[in-house]
Amino acid sequence: MFCSHIQAERTGFRALDLALSQAQSRVTHIQYERVGADVTMKCGSMDWDAAVTWTVNGTDIDESHLNGSYLILKNVDLMKNGHYACYEGSSWHLKYQTYLRMGSEYPSMSH
């Protein structure tokens, strides 16, 4: 019984890893930032004064985090990891998306 429970957990983790991998493959940008940094995201080619809606992991972000069409996140922590998307006004046309990854170090570019 214990072994089958562990196997079920491993299968669940693999499914979660696959779903995350598929979601990331649809995102054209990955933005790496340090914990504690202030992060600014531009809504693609939208003008600064354009009406936009930002979401994180499918949930609307409060307008208090916007400066025009820019998303401003202050003193970010690991809870800010996620899929960010910007939509044009009330039409909800996707204009920009990125996956924000927080950490204490930038990823190594050499292998």
Protein backbone atom coordinates (compact mmCIF):
# COMPACT_ATOMS: atom_id res chain seq x y z
CA MET A 1 0.00 0.00 0.00
CA PHE A 2 2.80 2.43 0.94
CA CYS A 3 4.68 1.72 -2.32
CA SER A 4 1.61 2.33 -4.46
CA HIS A 5 1.06 5.67 -2.66
CA ILE A 6 4.65 6.72 -3.46
CA GLN A 7 4.20 5.61 -7.08
CA ALA A 8 0.98 7.65 -7.34
CA GLU A 9 2.79 10.73 -5.97
CA ARG A 10 5.63 10.29 -8.47
CA THR A 11 3.13 9.95 -11.32
CA GLY A 12 1.37 13.12 -10.11
CA PHE A 13 4.66 15.04 -9.99
CA ARG A 14 5.54 13.90 -13.52
CA ALA A 15 2.12 15.06 -14.76
CA LEU A 16 2.62 18.42 -13.03
CA ASP A 17 6.11 18.77 -14.52
CA LEU A 18 4.72 17.96 -17.98
CA ALA A 19 1.89 20.50 -17.64
CA LEU A 20 4.34 23.20 -16.50
CA SER A 21 6.70 22.34 -19.34
CA GLN A 22 3.88 22.58 -21.89
CA ALA A 23 2.72 25.92 -20.46
CA GLN A 24 6.26 27.29 -20.59
CA SER A 25 6.69 26.14 -24.19
CA ARG A 26 3.77 28.41 -25.21
CA VAL A 27 5.37 31.40 -23.47
CA THR A 28 7.81 33.20 -25.72
CA HIS A 29 9.73 34.96 -22.93
CA ILE A 30 11.23 33.89 -19.64
CA GLN A 31 12.27 36.75 -17.39
CA TYR A 32 14.73 36.04 -14.57
CA GLU A 33 14.85 38.38 -11.58
CA ARG A 34 16.46 38.43 -8.17
CA VAL A 35 14.42 38.21 -4.99
CA GLY A 36 13.98 41.72 -3.60
CA ALA A 37 14.26 43.45 -6.99
CA ASP A 38 11.72 45.82 -8.52
CA VAL A 39 10.40 44.38 -11.78
CA THR A 40 8.91 46.31 -14.70
CA MET A 41 7.14 44.60 -17.60
CA LYS A 42 6.09 46.36 -20.80
CA CYS A 43 2.92 45.22 -22.58
CA GLY A 44 4.55 44.36 -25.89
CA SER A 45 4.34 47.23 -28.37
CA MET A 46 1.37 48.88 -26.63
CA ASP A 47 1.62 52.63 -25.99
CA TRP A 48 2.25 53.70 -22.40
CA ASP A 49 -1.26 55.18 -22.10
CA ALA A 50 -3.07 52.20 -23.68
CA ALA A 51 -5.83 50.49 -21.69
CA VAL A 52 -4.54 47.02 -20.75
CA THR A 53 -5.28 44.21 -18.33
CA TRP A 54 -2.46 42.20 -16.76
CA THR A 55 -2.94 38.70 -15.35
CA VAL A 56 -0.73 36.32 -13.41
CA ASN A 57 -1.52 32.62 -13.71
CA GLY A 58 -4.92 33.58 -15.13
CA THR A 59 -5.90 35.97 -12.30
CA ASP A 60 -6.34 39.71 -12.89
CA ILE A 61 -3.67 41.93 -11.32
CA ASP A 62 -4.89 44.97 -9.38
CA GLU A 63 -4.50 48.27 -11.27
CA SER A 64 -2.46 49.67 -8.36
CA HIS A 65 0.49 47.73 -9.85
CA LEU A 66 0.22 49.54 -13.19
CA ASN A 67 1.99 52.63 -14.44
CA GLY A 68 0.15 53.26 -17.69
CA SER A 69 0.38 49.96 -19.57
CA TYR A 70 3.49 48.89 -17.63
CA LEU A 71 3.30 46.37 -14.80
CA ILE A 72 5.41 47.37 -11.80
CA LEU A 73 6.20 44.81 -9.09
CA LYS A 74 8.10 46.12 -6.05
CA ASN A 75 10.43 44.10 -3.83
CA VAL A 76 9.45 40.77 -5.44
CA ASP A 77 9.66 37.44 -3.65
CA LEU A 78 9.37 33.80 -4.74
CA MET A 79 5.57 34.05 -4.64
CA LYS A 80 5.77 36.26 -7.76
CA ASN A 81 6.94 33.33 -9.93
CA GLY A 82 4.41 32.64 -12.65
CA HIS A 83 2.92 33.24 -16.05
CA TYR A 84 2.23 36.94 -16.70
CA ALA A 85 0.10 38.09 -19.62
CA CYS A 86 -1.04 41.47 -20.91
CA TYR A 87 -4.24 41.97 -22.87
CA GLU A 88 -5.44 44.93 -24.90
CA GLY A 89 -8.33 46.81 -23.27
CA SER A 90 -11.70 45.13 -23.18
CA SER A 91 -11.03 43.12 -26.37
CA TRP A 92 -8.77 40.76 -24.42
CA HIS A 93 -6.36 40.36 -27.34
CA LEU A 94 -3.13 38.92 -25.95
CA LYS A 95 -0.29 41.40 -26.51
CA TYR A 96 2.54 40.01 -24.36
CA GLN A 97 3.31 37.09 -22.10
CA THR A 98 6.26 35.97 -20.06
CA TYR A 99 7.14 33.48 -17.39
CA LEU A 100 8.71 35.26 -14.40
CA ARG A 101 11.25 33.20 -12.48
CA MET A 102 12.58 34.49 -9.19
CA GLY A 103 15.77 33.39 -7.50
CA SER A 104 18.75 34.52 -5.52
CA GLU A 105 21.12 33.93 -8.44
CA TYR A 106 20.83 34.35 -12.19
CA PRO A 107 20.94 31.05 -14.11
CA SER A 108 24.30 29.96 -15.46
CA MET A 109 24.69 30.43 -19.20
CA SER A 110 27.55 27.93 -19.54
CA HIS A 111 27.29 24.15 -19.23
